[in-house]
Protein backbone atom coordinates (compact mmCIF):
# COMPACT_ATOMS: atom_id res chain seq x y z
CA UNK A 1 80.18 6.61 -18.86
CA UNK A 2 77.26 5.04 -20.08
CA UNK A 3 79.27 2.00 -20.73
CA UNK A 4 80.19 1.03 -17.04
CA UNK A 5 76.71 1.88 -15.99
CA UNK A 6 75.43 -1.46 -18.05
CA UNK A 7 77.67 -3.37 -16.66
CA UNK A 8 76.97 -2.72 -12.92
CA UNK A 9 73.55 -3.23 -13.97
CA UNK A 10 74.11 -6.52 -15.41
CA UNK A 11 76.22 -7.34 -12.70
CA UNK A 12 73.52 -6.44 -10.11
CA UNK A 13 70.48 -8.56 -12.12
CA UNK A 14 72.95 -11.27 -12.30
CA UNK A 15 73.83 -11.54 -8.60
CA UNK A 16 69.96 -10.99 -7.44
CA UNK A 17 69.12 -14.06 -10.05
CA UNK A 18 71.41 -16.63 -8.61
CA UNK A 19 70.17 -15.67 -5.09
CA UNK A 20 66.29 -16.05 -6.20
CA UNK A 21 67.77 -18.92 -7.92
CA UNK A 22 68.85 -20.32 -4.36
CA UNK A 23 66.33 -19.46 -1.98
CA UNK A 24 63.63 -20.80 -3.98
CA UNK A 25 65.72 -24.48 -3.98
CA UNK A 26 66.21 -24.64 -0.51
CA UNK A 27 62.15 -23.84 -0.10
CA UNK A 28 61.60 -26.45 -2.29
CA UNK A 29 63.86 -28.84 -0.32
CA UNK A 30 62.73 -27.98 3.23
CA UNK A 31 61.23 -30.47 5.20
CA UNK A 32 57.45 -29.94 6.36
CA UNK A 33 56.85 -29.04 9.38
CA UNK A 34 55.99 -32.00 12.41
CA UNK A 35 53.42 -31.52 15.38
CA UNK A 36 54.17 -33.01 18.71
CA UNK A 37 51.30 -34.83 20.45
CA UNK A 38 50.50 -36.21 23.57
CA UNK A 39 48.15 -38.49 25.17
CA UNK A 40 45.76 -37.47 27.91
CA UNK A 41 46.45 -38.76 31.51
CA UNK A 42 44.54 -40.03 34.71
CA UNK A 43 45.66 -38.13 37.62
CA UNK A 44 45.03 -36.25 40.44
CA UNK A 45 44.06 -32.50 40.24
CA UNK A 46 44.61 -29.84 43.02
CA UNK A 47 44.00 -26.45 43.15
CA UNK A 48 45.23 -24.35 45.54
CA UNK A 49 46.99 -21.25 46.53
CA UNK A 50 49.82 -20.32 48.49
CA UNK A 51 50.06 -18.97 52.29
CA UNK A 52 54.21 -17.62 52.95
CA UNK A 53 54.72 -17.75 57.09
CA UNK A 54 56.30 -20.28 59.87
CA UNK A 55 55.89 -22.38 62.24
CA UNK A 56 55.04 -21.72 66.33
CA UNK A 57 53.93 -22.71 69.37
CA UNK A 58 50.38 -22.28 70.00
CA UNK A 59 51.35 -21.65 73.78
CA UNK A 60 54.24 -19.06 74.61
CA UNK A 61 55.40 -17.51 77.99
CA UNK A 62 57.59 -14.76 78.65
CA UNK A 63 58.71 -15.55 82.45
CA UNK A 64 59.13 -12.77 84.09
CA UNK A 65 60.82 -12.24 87.91
CA UNK A 66 58.27 -11.27 91.15
CA UNK A 67 60.99 -9.11 92.41
CA UNK A 68 64.14 -6.63 91.03
CA UNK A 69 67.51 -7.57 91.70
CA UNK A 70 70.56 -9.92 90.04
CA UNK A 71 70.33 -12.97 88.92
CA UNK A 72 71.85 -14.94 90.98
CA UNK A 73 72.30 -18.80 89.45
CA UNK A 74 70.24 -20.23 86.48
CA UNK A 75 68.75 -23.70 86.52
CA UNK A 76 67.79 -23.83 83.07
CA UNK A 77 68.75 -23.83 79.63
CA UNK A 78 67.56 -23.27 76.22
CA UNK A 79 66.15 -27.12 75.05
CA UNK A 80 65.16 -27.99 78.65
CA UNK A 81 62.17 -29.59 79.27
CA UNK A 82 60.39 -28.29 81.99
CA UNK A 83 56.91 -28.63 84.42
CA UNK A 84 54.91 -26.06 86.24
CA UNK A 85 56.22 -24.39 89.21
CA UNK A 86 59.65 -25.79 88.28
CA UNK A 87 62.61 -23.50 89.41
CA UNK A 88 64.67 -21.31 86.34
CA UNK A 89 66.36 -18.76 88.32
CA UNK A 90 67.60 -17.44 91.56
CA UNK A 91 67.39 -13.57 91.77
CA UNK A 92 69.62 -11.98 94.07
CA UNK A 93 67.54 -8.82 95.94
CA UNK A 94 69.34 -5.72 96.46
CA UNK A 95 66.20 -3.48 98.11
CA UNK A 96 67.23 0.09 98.57
CA UNK A 97 67.24 1.82 101.52
CA UNK A 98 64.45 3.90 100.94
CA UNK A 99 62.20 1.45 100.56
CA UNK A 100 63.30 -0.86 103.54
CA UNK A 101 62.90 2.61 105.87
CA UNK A 102 59.19 3.08 103.76
CA UNK A 103 57.98 -0.54 104.60
CA UNK A 104 59.36 -0.17 108.23
CA UNK A 105 57.06 2.84 108.80
CA UNK A 106 54.15 0.68 107.28
CA UNK A 107 55.08 -2.02 109.49
CA UNK A 108 54.84 0.64 112.82
CA UNK A 109 52.14 2.84 111.21
CA UNK A 110 49.59 -0.80 110.31
CA UNK A 111 50.75 -1.91 114.26
CA UNK A 112 49.34 1.64 116.10
CA UNK A 113 45.74 1.20 113.78
CA UNK A 114 46.02 -2.39 114.93
CA UNK A 115 46.34 -1.38 118.38
CA UNK A 116 43.75 1.45 118.09
CA UNK A 117 40.94 -0.81 116.48
CA UNK A 118 41.49 -3.44 119.87
CA UNK A 119 41.39 -0.42 122.04
CA UNK A 120 38.04 0.31 120.97
CA UNK A 121 36.30 -2.82 120.36
CA UNK A 122 37.44 -3.65 124.00
CA UNK A 123 35.49 -0.51 125.05
CA UNK A 124 32.35 -1.54 122.96
CA UNK A 125 32.37 -4.67 124.54
CA UNK A 126 32.64 -2.93 128.02
CA UNK A 127 29.41 -0.75 127.66
CA UNK A 128 27.59 -3.66 126.08
CA UNK A 129 28.18 -5.47 129.15
CA UNK A 130 26.84 -3.03 131.50
CA UNK A 131 24.43 -2.18 129.04
CA UNK A 132 25.33 1.07 129.18
CA UNK A 133 24.15 2.03 125.07
CA UNK A 134 20.98 1.16 125.43
CA UNK A 135 19.81 1.73 129.20
CA UNK A 136 18.41 4.93 127.98
CA UNK A 137 16.27 3.54 125.83
CA UNK A 138 15.13 0.61 128.01
CA UNK A 139 14.22 3.22 130.91
CA UNK A 140 12.05 5.39 128.20
CA UNK A 141 10.29 2.15 127.44
CA UNK A 142 9.68 1.27 130.88
CA UNK A 143 8.23 4.23 131.31
CA UNK A 144 5.66 4.09 128.20
CA UNK A 145 4.60 0.35 129.31
CA UNK A 146 3.88 1.56 132.83
CA UNK A 147 2.02 4.61 131.31
CA UNK A 148 0.29 2.71 128.40
CA UNK A 149 -0.97 0.71 131.47
CA UNK A 150 -2.30 3.76 133.67
CA UNK A 151 -3.93 4.87 130.94
CA UNK A 152 -5.92 1.78 130.01
CA UNK A 153 -6.92 1.69 133.27
CA UNK A 154 -8.69 5.21 132.79
CA UNK A 155 -9.74 4.23 129.34
CA UNK A 156 -11.68 1.19 130.87
CA UNK A 157 -13.23 3.52 133.37
CA UNK A 158 -14.44 5.78 131.27
CA UNK A 159 -12.69 8.59 132.49
CA UNK A 160 -10.63 9.04 129.16
CA UNK A 161 -11.75 8.96 125.06
CA UNK A 162 -10.64 6.00 123.09
CA UNK A 163 -8.43 8.52 121.47
CA UNK A 164 -6.08 9.93 123.84
CA UNK A 165 -5.64 6.64 124.81
CA UNK A 166 -4.55 5.23 121.28
CA UNK A 167 -2.05 8.55 121.83
CA UNK A 168 -0.37 6.54 124.77
CA UNK A 169 -0.41 3.03 122.65
CA UNK A 170 0.95 4.26 119.85
CA UNK A 171 3.62 5.98 121.83
CA UNK A 172 4.61 2.58 123.88
CA UNK A 173 4.99 1.23 120.41
CA UNK A 174 7.79 3.58 119.66
CA UNK A 175 9.53 3.69 122.85
CA UNK A 176 9.56 -0.82 122.32
CA UNK A 177 10.55 -0.22 118.42
CA UNK A 178 13.68 2.33 119.90
CA UNK A 179 14.59 0.07 122.95
CA UNK A 180 14.83 -3.32 120.24
CA UNK A 181 16.83 -1.01 117.68
CA UNK A 182 19.47 -0.32 120.24
CA UNK A 183 19.86 -3.58 121.38
CA UNK A 184 20.27 -4.39 117.82
CA UNK A 185 22.97 -1.15 117.20
CA UNK A 186 24.95 -2.48 119.91
CA UNK A 187 24.98 -5.79 118.61
CA UNK A 188 26.19 -3.98 115.29
CA UNK A 189 28.83 -2.08 117.01
CA UNK A 190 30.68 -4.87 118.11
CA UNK A 191 30.72 -6.82 114.96
CA UNK A 192 31.81 -4.06 112.89
CA UNK A 193 34.88 -3.28 115.97
CA UNK A 194 35.87 -6.81 115.21
CA UNK A 195 35.81 -6.91 111.57
CA UNK A 196 37.96 -3.17 111.65
CA UNK A 197 40.27 -5.34 114.24
CA UNK A 198 41.12 -8.22 111.53
CA UNK A 199 41.71 -5.71 108.71
CA UNK A 200 44.16 -4.42 110.95
CA UNK A 201 45.69 -7.37 111.53
CA UNK A 202 45.73 -8.41 107.68
CA UNK A 203 47.32 -4.30 106.88
CA UNK A 204 49.64 -5.38 109.39
CA UNK A 205 50.45 -9.09 108.58
CA UNK A 206 50.84 -7.29 104.95
CA UNK A 207 53.53 -5.08 105.92
CA UNK A 208 55.48 -7.31 107.43
CA UNK A 209 55.62 -9.43 104.61
CA UNK A 210 56.40 -6.80 102.38
CA UNK A 211 59.31 -5.88 104.70
CA UNK A 212 60.74 -9.28 104.83
CA UNK A 213 60.41 -9.93 101.09
CA UNK A 214 62.68 -6.85 100.69
CA UNK A 215 65.57 -7.90 102.91
CA UNK A 216 64.99 -11.68 102.20
CA UNK A 217 63.00 -12.40 99.16
CA UNK A 218 60.47 -14.40 100.76
CA UNK A 219 57.52 -13.60 103.52
CA UNK A 220 56.72 -15.67 106.06
CA UNK A 221 53.28 -16.94 105.24
CA UNK A 222 54.43 -17.69 101.43
CA UNK A 223 54.71 -21.25 100.53
CA UNK A 224 56.68 -19.75 97.26
CA UNK A 225 59.83 -17.99 97.27
CA UNK A 226 59.18 -14.63 95.39
CA UNK A 227 63.28 -14.10 94.40
CA UNK A 228 63.15 -17.68 93.19
CA UNK A 229 61.74 -17.83 89.33
CA UNK A 230 59.43 -20.63 88.36
CA UNK A 231 57.50 -21.86 85.03
CA UNK A 232 54.22 -20.99 85.03
CA UNK A 233 53.72 -23.78 82.41
CA UNK A 234 54.61 -27.42 81.38
CA UNK A 235 56.85 -27.11 78.01
CA UNK A 236 60.45 -26.71 76.59
CA UNK A 237 62.79 -23.40 77.22
CA UNK A 238 63.33 -22.02 73.81
CA UNK A 239 65.60 -18.95 75.05
CA UNK A 240 67.29 -17.78 78.04
CA UNK A 241 68.06 -14.18 77.29
CA UNK A 242 69.76 -13.44 80.73
CA UNK A 243 72.84 -14.68 81.93
CA UNK A 244 74.18 -14.64 85.79
CA UNK A 245 75.23 -11.57 86.70
CA UNK A 246 72.37 -9.68 84.75
CA UNK A 247 70.45 -7.30 86.58
CA UNK A 248 66.29 -8.21 86.32
CA UNK A 249 63.46 -5.59 86.78
CA UNK A 250 60.31 -7.13 88.19
CA UNK A 251 56.93 -7.29 86.35
CA UNK A 252 54.40 -5.29 87.78
CA UNK A 253 51.31 -2.25 86.54
CA UNK A 254 53.88 0.47 85.07
CA UNK A 255 56.51 -1.83 83.67
CA UNK A 256 56.52 -5.19 81.80
CA UNK A 257 59.56 -7.01 83.30
CA UNK A 258 62.68 -8.17 82.14
CA UNK A 259 62.03 -11.76 80.54
CA UNK A 260 63.88 -14.63 82.22
CA UNK A 261 63.63 -17.49 79.96
CA UNK A 262 60.47 -17.86 77.02
CA UNK A 263 58.86 -21.30 77.57
CA UNK A 264 56.73 -22.91 75.20
CA UNK A 265 54.32 -26.01 74.50
CA UNK A 266 55.68 -27.89 71.65
CA UNK A 267 53.38 -30.29 71.26
CA UNK A 268 50.60 -27.75 70.23
CA UNK A 269 52.22 -26.17 67.14
CA UNK A 270 50.27 -24.11 64.64
CA UNK A 271 51.22 -22.42 61.11
CA UNK A 272 50.74 -18.81 61.23
CA UNK A 273 51.48 -17.05 57.68
CA UNK A 274 49.63 -14.19 54.88
CA UNK A 275 47.58 -14.94 51.87
CA UNK A 276 46.83 -12.38 49.44
CA UNK A 277 43.71 -10.51 49.03
CA UNK A 278 42.52 -11.96 45.65
CA UNK A 279 42.38 -15.45 47.29
CA UNK A 280 41.30 -15.01 51.02
CA UNK A 281 37.71 -14.62 49.63
CA UNK A 282 38.28 -18.80 48.88
CA UNK A 283 39.18 -19.48 52.13
CA UNK A 284 37.06 -21.63 54.50
CA UNK A 285 37.92 -22.72 58.63
CA UNK A 286 38.78 -26.08 58.13
CA UNK A 287 40.31 -26.64 54.69
CA UNK A 288 43.09 -28.84 54.86
CA UNK A 289 46.61 -27.02 54.59
CA UNK A 290 50.30 -29.09 53.36
CA UNK A 291 53.23 -27.93 54.77
CA UNK A 292 56.74 -27.69 53.25
CA UNK A 293 59.49 -26.72 55.85
CA UNK A 294 62.89 -25.02 54.02
CA UNK A 295 65.19 -26.61 56.71
CA UNK A 296 63.30 -30.34 55.65
CA UNK A 297 63.63 -31.60 52.58
CA UNK A 298 60.87 -34.23 51.14
CA UNK A 299 58.22 -33.63 53.62
CA UNK A 300 55.17 -32.35 53.46
CA UNK A 301 53.42 -31.94 57.07
CA UNK A 302 49.54 -31.88 57.26
CA UNK A 303 47.27 -29.26 58.97
CA UNK A 304 44.08 -27.73 58.76
CA UNK A 305 42.65 -24.12 58.81
CA UNK A 306 41.22 -23.02 61.67
CA UNK A 307 41.62 -19.07 61.40
CA UNK A 308 41.50 -16.58 58.66
CA UNK A 309 41.92 -12.72 60.08
CA UNK A 310 39.22 -10.37 59.43
CA UNK A 311 40.94 -7.51 58.73
CA UNK A 312 44.03 -6.72 56.00
CA UNK A 313 47.30 -5.12 56.32
CA UNK A 314 48.46 -3.39 53.00
CA UNK A 315 52.36 -4.98 52.79
CA UNK A 316 54.42 -3.51 50.08
CA UNK A 317 51.19 -1.77 48.08
CA UNK A 318 49.12 -5.12 48.65
CA UNK A 319 46.68 -6.26 51.23
CA UNK A 320 47.41 -9.49 53.14
CA UNK A 321 45.48 -11.22 55.94
CA UNK A 322 46.60 -13.42 58.27
CA UNK A 323 45.92 -17.24 58.37
CA UNK A 324 46.27 -19.47 61.19
CA UNK A 325 46.13 -23.44 60.78
CA UNK A 326 46.85 -26.18 63.38
CA UNK A 327 49.42 -28.59 62.58
CA UNK A 328 49.29 -31.99 63.18
CA UNK A 329 51.35 -34.01 65.44
CA UNK A 330 54.60 -35.92 63.91
CA UNK A 331 56.42 -38.33 66.29
CA UNK A 332 58.67 -38.59 63.87
CA UNK A 333 59.97 -35.07 62.81
CA UNK A 334 60.86 -32.56 65.47
CA UNK A 335 59.58 -29.16 63.88
CA UNK A 336 61.28 -26.24 66.12
CA UNK A 337 60.24 -22.96 66.48
CA UNK A 338 60.17 -20.67 63.78
CA UNK A 339 60.61 -22.51 61.06
CA UNK A 340 60.20 -20.69 57.52
CA UNK A 341 57.40 -22.67 56.01
CA UNK A 342 55.07 -22.86 52.61
CA UNK A 343 51.54 -23.35 53.37
CA UNK A 344 49.61 -24.98 50.11
CA UNK A 345 45.55 -24.57 50.65
CA UNK A 346 43.45 -26.70 49.06
CA UNK A 347 41.06 -25.32 47.35
CA UNK A 348 39.14 -27.94 45.61
CA UNK A 349 40.65 -31.95 44.13
CA UNK A 350 40.20 -34.44 41.95
CA UNK A 351 41.42 -37.51 42.07
CA UNK A 352 41.58 -40.22 39.34
CA UNK A 353 40.59 -37.84 36.46
CA UNK A 354 41.38 -37.62 32.83
CA UNK A 355 43.53 -34.41 32.39
CA UNK A 356 45.10 -32.27 29.35
CA UNK A 357 47.85 -29.65 29.56
CA UNK A 358 45.73 -26.54 29.80
CA UNK A 359 48.59 -25.10 27.19
CA UNK A 360 46.91 -27.40 24.49
CA UNK A 361 43.12 -25.65 24.86
CA UNK A 362 42.42 -23.28 22.35
CA UNK A 363 39.08 -20.56 23.44
CA UNK A 364 36.39 -19.56 20.47
CA UNK A 365 33.14 -18.01 21.58
CA UNK A 366 33.31 -18.88 25.06
CA UNK A 367 33.72 -22.78 24.14
CA UNK A 368 36.97 -25.18 24.45
CA UNK A 369 38.66 -26.88 21.89
CA UNK A 370 41.31 -28.91 21.14
CA UNK A 371 43.05 -30.92 18.28
CA UNK A 372 42.86 -34.42 17.66
CA UNK A 373 45.23 -36.69 15.44
CA UNK A 374 42.89 -38.42 12.75
CA UNK A 375 46.29 -38.72 10.43
CA UNK A 376 49.49 -38.67 9.51
CA UNK A 377 49.59 -34.61 10.01
CA UNK A 378 46.25 -34.55 10.17
CA UNK A 379 44.18 -33.24 13.05
CA UNK A 380 40.29 -32.50 13.44
CA UNK A 381 38.97 -29.65 16.32
CA UNK A 382 37.11 -31.03 18.73
CA UNK A 383 35.32 -29.61 21.42
CA UNK A 384 35.64 -30.41 25.38
CA UNK A 385 34.43 -29.98 28.54
CA UNK A 386 36.59 -29.14 31.56
CA UNK A 387 36.80 -28.95 34.71
CA UNK A 388 39.17 -28.38 37.70
CA UNK A 389 42.14 -26.43 36.52
CA UNK A 390 45.46 -26.38 38.63
CA UNK A 391 47.57 -24.02 36.08
CA UNK A 392 49.07 -26.82 34.57
CA UNK A 393 46.95 -29.56 33.95
CA UNK A 394 43.07 -29.40 33.33
CA UNK A 395 40.26 -31.42 33.85
CA UNK A 396 38.36 -33.01 30.74
CA UNK A 397 34.55 -33.78 31.63
CA UNK A 398 33.85 -34.92 27.72
CA UNK A 399 35.05 -34.87 24.62
CA UNK A 400 38.42 -36.62 25.12
CA UNK A 401 39.75 -40.30 26.86
CA UNK A 402 43.23 -41.19 27.03
CA UNK A 403 43.57 -43.17 23.48
CA UNK A 404 43.56 -39.87 21.92
CA UNK A 405 46.30 -38.05 20.24
CA UNK A 406 46.36 -34.24 21.20
CA UNK A 407 48.40 -31.48 19.62
CA UNK A 408 50.50 -29.92 21.34
CA UNK A 409 50.23 -26.16 20.97
CA UNK A 410 53.42 -24.13 21.17
CA UNK A 411 53.35 -21.46 22.42
CA UNK A 412 54.23 -18.24 20.89
């Protein structure tokens, strides 16, 4: 038993001795570590943040009908260029019997009101012509004038006192004012009745037009046919969401109405996107943007930031702020509404500066250092002053030039 144990221990020691010998031999044969180096380069450094969004027309209008009915004919399709006032569709009216009867009743009532107003005006003119409405005031004024003259003679003869005479003089002035006021009131009454007749005529005309609109889709005095839907702006038709035969509803105070077409000015496009709250404080109106559109490869579009939302919105646990930028026109490439895009908002820029990789910089006590090659596998730590960084490259203000070899710091 003891002999077997001794043999096992001896074998273990022999194997361990051979293993350690092989390990130390390999360590002595290992190649010394080489360090990679890079030279600083001269380049442009751009610090930017990214906003995701889409391309949209600045002016986009939903065209809606003035009357309800069925689309009888469409004159345009998506992609057509149209002018303001150009017909888009024709609506076939299907008025209800109840609405027609109500409109006919309104016409009859308006005609009766007009006749009453005309009779009243004629009566007032007859009264005014014969001075019936001012006759009483005129008679009172004439009587007061004669009485004042008689009392003045008595006053001149000393028969009555001045106080007594002044009472008749005041009465004469009052009667005169009443007479003049009655003449003014008579004239104003005629003017008011003329206005009433004019209003009644307008109400009758409006009622007739309404009845005609219900029956024919156009009024007698209107230059525009109500059942013809026209464009309200110059631009391009982006979409026609209805087809011939589709029922549509007119726009009014209680209903938004059915959209016949969507028209937009494609000569003035904007980018609308959102940025994170961590970056919004760095943004200012007027900052330049570079747009990258997913559908258009290898092409950048310039834009200028023109709006930053004063209030953020929470999305998936983070606060986002809406931004809007005006896209500079590009005649070579047609941008379509709805293109998804990413906007690189340029926060700061340096042109033609000496730069190194930010990974090669180490920091000690808030100071930046790099290692510069001085010989074969020999490096010297050197303090540098840094400037703008884009997250990969960093500007070097002092401490290094493009002739030096900077040690590449491997990331652990």
